[in-house]
Amino acid sequence: MSNQYTEENLIRAASFLPSQQEREQQQADISAAADPLSALLYSDDRETVLYGIFGDIPDYDNPEMEMLWDEVLDADPEEVYEYCFRKGVDLFQDDGKPVPGWRDIAVMLKAIEKGILQLA
């Protein structure tokens, strides 16, 4: 899948991914951590992107958010890409693949649209 969208005023989700240098530092930090498995779990690119864009991550303990997740999961990926694009978020990396957590981004956008979530 290639990125077919071109638009000026978009949030580019890929810009929130760590650089190669940051990834190497994360790997070094994980290796040096007292609990490397725990450190690995908390170095998630998905969360990095979500925090970068929204300052938060979806709360799937909330039944309304869970319903949105199901809605996004059942949707055709192309529809999700277009929805996020219309809402101002370009989901694609330079290699044409969507960023980690692209469905979570859609859930957050839907939650904002429905008034379930309000960001400061």
Protein backbone atom coordinates (compact mmCIF):
# COMPACT_ATOMS: atom_id res chain seq x y z
CA MET A 1 0.00 0.00 0.00
CA SER A 2 1.44 3.32 -0.95
CA ASN A 3 0.59 6.68 0.47
CA GLN A 4 -1.74 8.20 -2.10
CA TYR A 5 -2.66 11.23 0.00
CA THR A 6 -1.02 14.58 -0.46
CA GLU A 7 -2.16 17.56 1.57
CA GLU A 8 -0.50 20.46 3.30
CA ASN A 9 -1.88 20.96 6.81
CA LEU A 10 -1.78 17.39 8.06
CA ILE A 11 -0.33 15.93 11.20
CA ARG A 12 2.16 13.40 9.94
CA ALA A 13 1.95 10.50 12.40
CA ALA A 14 5.32 9.12 11.22
CA SER A 15 7.04 12.28 12.47
CA PHE A 16 6.37 11.06 16.02
CA LEU A 17 8.26 7.79 15.52
CA PRO A 18 11.69 7.67 17.16
CA SER A 19 14.71 8.36 14.97
CA GLN A 20 17.31 5.66 14.38
CA GLN A 21 19.50 7.26 17.05
CA GLU A 22 16.61 7.28 19.52
CA ARG A 23 15.89 3.62 18.73
CA GLU A 24 19.52 2.71 19.40
CA GLN A 25 19.38 4.58 22.71
CA GLN A 26 16.16 2.76 23.62
CA GLN A 27 17.83 -0.57 22.87
CA ALA A 28 20.79 0.39 25.05
CA ASP A 29 18.45 1.48 27.84
CA ILE A 30 16.51 -1.78 27.59
CA SER A 31 19.72 -3.81 27.74
CA ALA A 32 20.91 -1.90 30.80
CA ALA A 33 17.55 -2.00 32.59
CA ALA A 34 17.10 -4.04 35.75
CA ASP A 35 14.04 -5.64 34.14
CA PRO A 36 14.68 -5.67 30.37
CA LEU A 37 11.29 -7.25 29.57
CA SER A 38 9.44 -4.51 31.40
CA ALA A 39 11.56 -1.83 29.73
CA LEU A 40 10.80 -3.35 26.33
CA LEU A 41 7.06 -3.27 27.00
CA TYR A 42 7.22 0.44 27.80
CA SER A 43 9.20 1.40 24.68
CA ASP A 44 6.26 0.92 22.32
CA ASP A 45 6.27 2.89 19.04
CA ARG A 46 2.47 2.80 19.11
CA GLU A 47 2.35 4.67 22.40
CA THR A 48 5.06 7.08 21.24
CA VAL A 49 2.93 8.06 18.25
CA LEU A 50 -0.29 8.30 20.27
CA TYR A 51 1.29 10.41 23.01
CA GLY A 52 2.94 12.58 20.36
CA ILE A 53 -0.34 13.35 18.61
CA PHE A 54 -2.86 13.26 21.44
CA GLY A 55 -0.90 13.30 24.70
CA ASP A 56 -2.89 10.21 25.69
CA ILE A 57 -3.73 6.66 24.66
CA PRO A 58 -7.17 5.05 24.26
CA ASP A 59 -8.76 3.76 27.46
CA TYR A 60 -10.18 0.43 26.32
CA ASP A 61 -11.57 -0.20 29.80
CA ASN A 62 -14.19 2.37 28.84
CA PRO A 63 -17.05 0.52 27.08
CA GLU A 64 -17.59 3.44 24.69
CA MET A 65 -13.96 3.32 23.61
CA GLU A 66 -14.18 -0.45 23.23
CA MET A 67 -17.18 0.01 20.91
CA LEU A 68 -15.18 2.47 18.82
CA TRP A 69 -12.30 -0.03 18.68
CA ASP A 70 -14.69 -2.70 17.39
CA GLU A 71 -16.03 -0.25 14.81
CA VAL A 72 -12.52 0.58 13.58
CA LEU A 73 -11.44 -3.06 13.62
CA ASP A 74 -14.46 -4.07 11.50
CA ALA A 75 -13.92 -1.25 8.98
CA ASP A 76 -12.00 -1.63 5.74
CA PRO A 77 -8.47 -0.30 6.36
CA GLU A 78 -8.81 2.03 3.35
CA GLU A 79 -11.84 3.64 4.99
CA VAL A 80 -9.88 4.11 8.22
CA TYR A 81 -6.96 5.69 6.34
CA GLU A 82 -9.33 8.09 4.58
CA TYR A 83 -11.20 8.92 7.79
CA CYS A 84 -7.97 9.84 9.58
CA PHE A 85 -6.80 11.84 6.58
CA ARG A 86 -10.07 13.81 6.54
CA LYS A 87 -9.59 14.45 10.25
CA GLY A 88 -6.08 15.80 9.59
CA VAL A 89 -3.79 12.85 10.35
CA ASP A 90 -1.60 11.21 7.69
CA LEU A 91 -1.04 7.65 8.91
CA PHE A 92 1.70 6.66 6.47
CA GLN A 93 5.45 6.29 6.89
CA ASP A 94 7.91 6.98 4.07
CA ASP A 95 7.84 3.29 3.10
CA GLY A 96 4.07 3.51 2.48
CA LYS A 97 3.11 1.45 5.52
CA PRO A 98 0.82 2.85 8.22
CA VAL A 99 2.41 3.80 11.53
CA PRO A 100 2.12 1.46 14.53
CA GLY A 101 -1.17 2.15 16.27
CA TRP A 102 -2.96 3.50 13.21
CA ARG A 103 -6.21 1.95 14.38
CA ASP A 104 -5.73 3.49 17.82
CA ILE A 105 -5.32 6.88 16.14
CA ALA A 106 -8.67 6.35 14.41
CA VAL A 107 -10.27 5.38 17.72
CA MET A 108 -8.95 8.54 19.36
CA LEU A 109 -10.23 10.70 16.50
CA LYS A 110 -13.66 9.04 16.67
CA ALA A 111 -13.77 9.51 20.45
CA ILE A 112 -13.02 13.21 20.04
CA GLU A 113 -15.63 13.50 17.29
CA LYS A 114 -18.30 11.80 19.46
CA GLY A 115 -17.42 13.88 22.54
CA ILE A 116 -16.19 10.86 24.52
CA LEU A 117 -12.71 12.34 24.76
CA GLN A 118 -11.65 15.94 25.11
CA LEU A 119 -8.04 16.93 24.78
CA ALA A 120 -6.57 20.02 26.39
